[in-house]
Amino acid sequence: MRQPRAVGGSVRRAVGPSAARRRELLDPGMPQVWTRRQRVAGTRWRTRTGAPWRHVPERYGPWGRLYDLFRRRRRDGTRAQILTPLQAAPDAKGLITWGGRRRLHRPPGPPTSMPPV
């Protein structure tokens, strides 16, 4: 089983002081069963694969907690604060295509091989 990759230095630099502030606000009460690292890896797995939240592997923790973490980080701007600096360089090089949705299947309609009647 492949271990999830650790968050790299570029992500740590992008997060900056907000992560330290968040750490100070944490309640040191009950110990967490699932580490934050596992939950972040689970949200990364889900966004990378595009699978439904309920299909996230158990090794990342309960899917409801993963979704809650993802939703909170998106609402408070942490997600954008991390992704914007990381996407800036590849976007400037034209490596990121900001397009609409891709069609994976043909739209319903008459078959194209039948001659018109």
Protein backbone atom coordinates (compact mmCIF):
# COMPACT_ATOMS: atom_id res chain seq x y z
CA MET A 1 0.00 0.00 0.00
CA ARG A 2 1.43 3.36 -1.01
CA GLN A 3 1.63 5.98 1.70
CA PRO A 4 0.17 9.44 0.93
CA ARG A 5 2.77 12.06 0.11
CA ALA A 6 3.57 14.58 2.79
CA VAL A 7 2.75 18.22 2.30
CA GLY A 8 5.77 19.86 0.70
CA GLY A 9 7.61 23.07 1.52
CA SER A 10 5.80 25.06 -1.19
CA VAL A 11 2.47 24.28 0.46
CA ARG A 12 3.85 25.22 3.88
CA ARG A 13 5.09 28.54 2.51
CA ALA A 14 1.72 29.17 0.85
CA VAL A 15 -0.16 28.50 4.07
CA GLY A 16 2.09 30.85 6.05
CA PRO A 17 1.18 32.10 9.50
CA SER A 18 -2.50 31.16 9.33
CA ALA A 19 -1.67 27.52 10.11
CA ALA A 20 0.19 28.58 13.26
CA ARG A 21 -2.78 30.67 14.35
CA ARG A 22 -5.09 27.74 13.80
CA ARG A 23 -2.83 25.49 15.86
CA GLU A 24 -3.09 27.90 18.79
CA LEU A 25 -6.89 27.77 18.66
CA LEU A 26 -7.08 23.98 18.83
CA ASP A 27 -8.52 22.52 21.97
CA PRO A 28 -6.04 20.10 23.57
CA GLY A 29 -8.95 18.04 24.97
CA MET A 30 -9.59 14.53 23.65
CA PRO A 31 -6.90 13.05 21.40
CA GLN A 32 -7.88 12.72 17.76
CA VAL A 33 -8.42 9.23 16.41
CA TRP A 34 -7.56 10.30 12.86
CA THR A 35 -4.65 12.67 12.45
CA ARG A 36 -5.13 15.88 10.54
CA ARG A 37 -2.51 14.66 8.09
CA GLN A 38 -4.66 11.62 7.28
CA ARG A 39 -7.74 13.79 6.80
CA VAL A 40 -5.91 16.25 4.53
CA ALA A 41 -4.54 13.31 2.53
CA GLY A 42 -8.11 12.00 2.27
CA THR A 43 -9.45 15.29 0.92
CA ARG A 44 -6.55 15.40 -1.54
CA TRP A 45 -7.35 11.84 -2.64
CA ARG A 46 -10.98 12.73 -3.19
CA THR A 47 -10.28 15.91 -5.18
CA ARG A 48 -7.60 14.14 -7.25
CA THR A 49 -9.80 11.16 -8.16
CA GLY A 50 -13.16 12.90 -8.34
CA ALA A 51 -14.81 10.02 -6.49
CA PRO A 52 -17.89 10.61 -4.31
CA TRP A 53 -17.16 11.41 -0.68
CA ARG A 54 -18.67 8.12 0.47
CA HIS A 55 -16.06 6.20 -1.56
CA VAL A 56 -13.02 7.65 0.19
CA PRO A 57 -10.96 4.77 1.67
CA GLU A 58 -11.31 4.13 5.39
CA ARG A 59 -7.59 4.70 6.01
CA TYR A 60 -8.27 8.45 5.72
CA GLY A 61 -11.05 8.45 8.30
CA PRO A 62 -14.84 8.79 8.14
CA TRP A 63 -15.97 10.47 4.94
CA GLY A 64 -18.23 12.88 6.84
CA ARG A 65 -15.30 14.33 8.75
CA LEU A 66 -13.26 14.63 5.57
CA TYR A 67 -16.07 16.49 3.86
CA ASP A 68 -16.51 18.73 6.90
CA LEU A 69 -12.80 19.61 6.89
CA PHE A 70 -12.89 20.27 3.13
CA ARG A 71 -16.00 22.46 3.41
CA ARG A 72 -14.62 24.49 6.35
CA ARG A 73 -11.30 25.09 4.62
CA ARG A 74 -13.06 26.17 1.45
CA ARG A 75 -15.38 28.56 3.29
CA ASP A 76 -12.69 30.24 5.39
CA GLY A 77 -10.44 30.79 2.34
CA THR A 78 -7.63 28.42 3.32
CA ARG A 79 -8.08 26.35 0.19
CA ALA A 80 -7.80 29.38 -2.09
CA GLN A 81 -4.89 30.75 -0.04
CA ILE A 82 -2.97 27.52 -0.67
CA LEU A 83 -3.95 26.85 -4.28
CA THR A 84 -3.55 30.35 -5.72
CA PRO A 85 0.23 30.67 -5.18
CA LEU A 86 0.81 27.03 -6.17
CA GLN A 87 -1.11 27.43 -9.45
CA ALA A 88 0.40 30.80 -10.40
CA ALA A 89 3.63 29.52 -12.01
CA PRO A 90 2.07 26.65 -14.03
CA ASP A 91 -0.74 28.97 -15.12
CA ALA A 92 1.76 31.57 -16.34
CA LYS A 93 3.49 28.87 -18.41
CA GLY A 94 0.15 27.82 -19.89
CA LEU A 95 0.23 24.36 -18.32
CA ILE A 96 -3.22 24.67 -16.74
CA THR A 97 -6.29 24.62 -18.95
CA TRP A 98 -9.13 26.54 -17.34
CA GLY A 99 -11.93 25.15 -19.40
CA GLY A 100 -15.46 24.01 -19.08
CA ARG A 101 -16.52 20.46 -18.60
CA ARG A 102 -15.37 17.71 -20.87
CA ARG A 103 -17.94 15.42 -22.38
CA LEU A 104 -17.18 11.82 -21.63
CA HIS A 105 -20.21 10.42 -23.44
CA ARG A 106 -22.14 11.38 -26.51
CA PRO A 107 -25.29 13.39 -25.97
CA PRO A 108 -28.52 11.44 -26.49
CA GLY A 109 -29.95 11.64 -29.94
CA PRO A 110 -30.46 9.66 -33.11
CA PRO A 111 -27.60 7.43 -34.20
CA THR A 112 -25.37 9.05 -36.81
CA SER A 113 -24.93 5.87 -38.90
CA MET A 114 -28.62 5.64 -39.96
CA PRO A 115 -29.54 7.39 -43.20
CA PRO A 116 -32.29 10.02 -42.95
CA VAL A 117 -35.76 8.76 -43.81
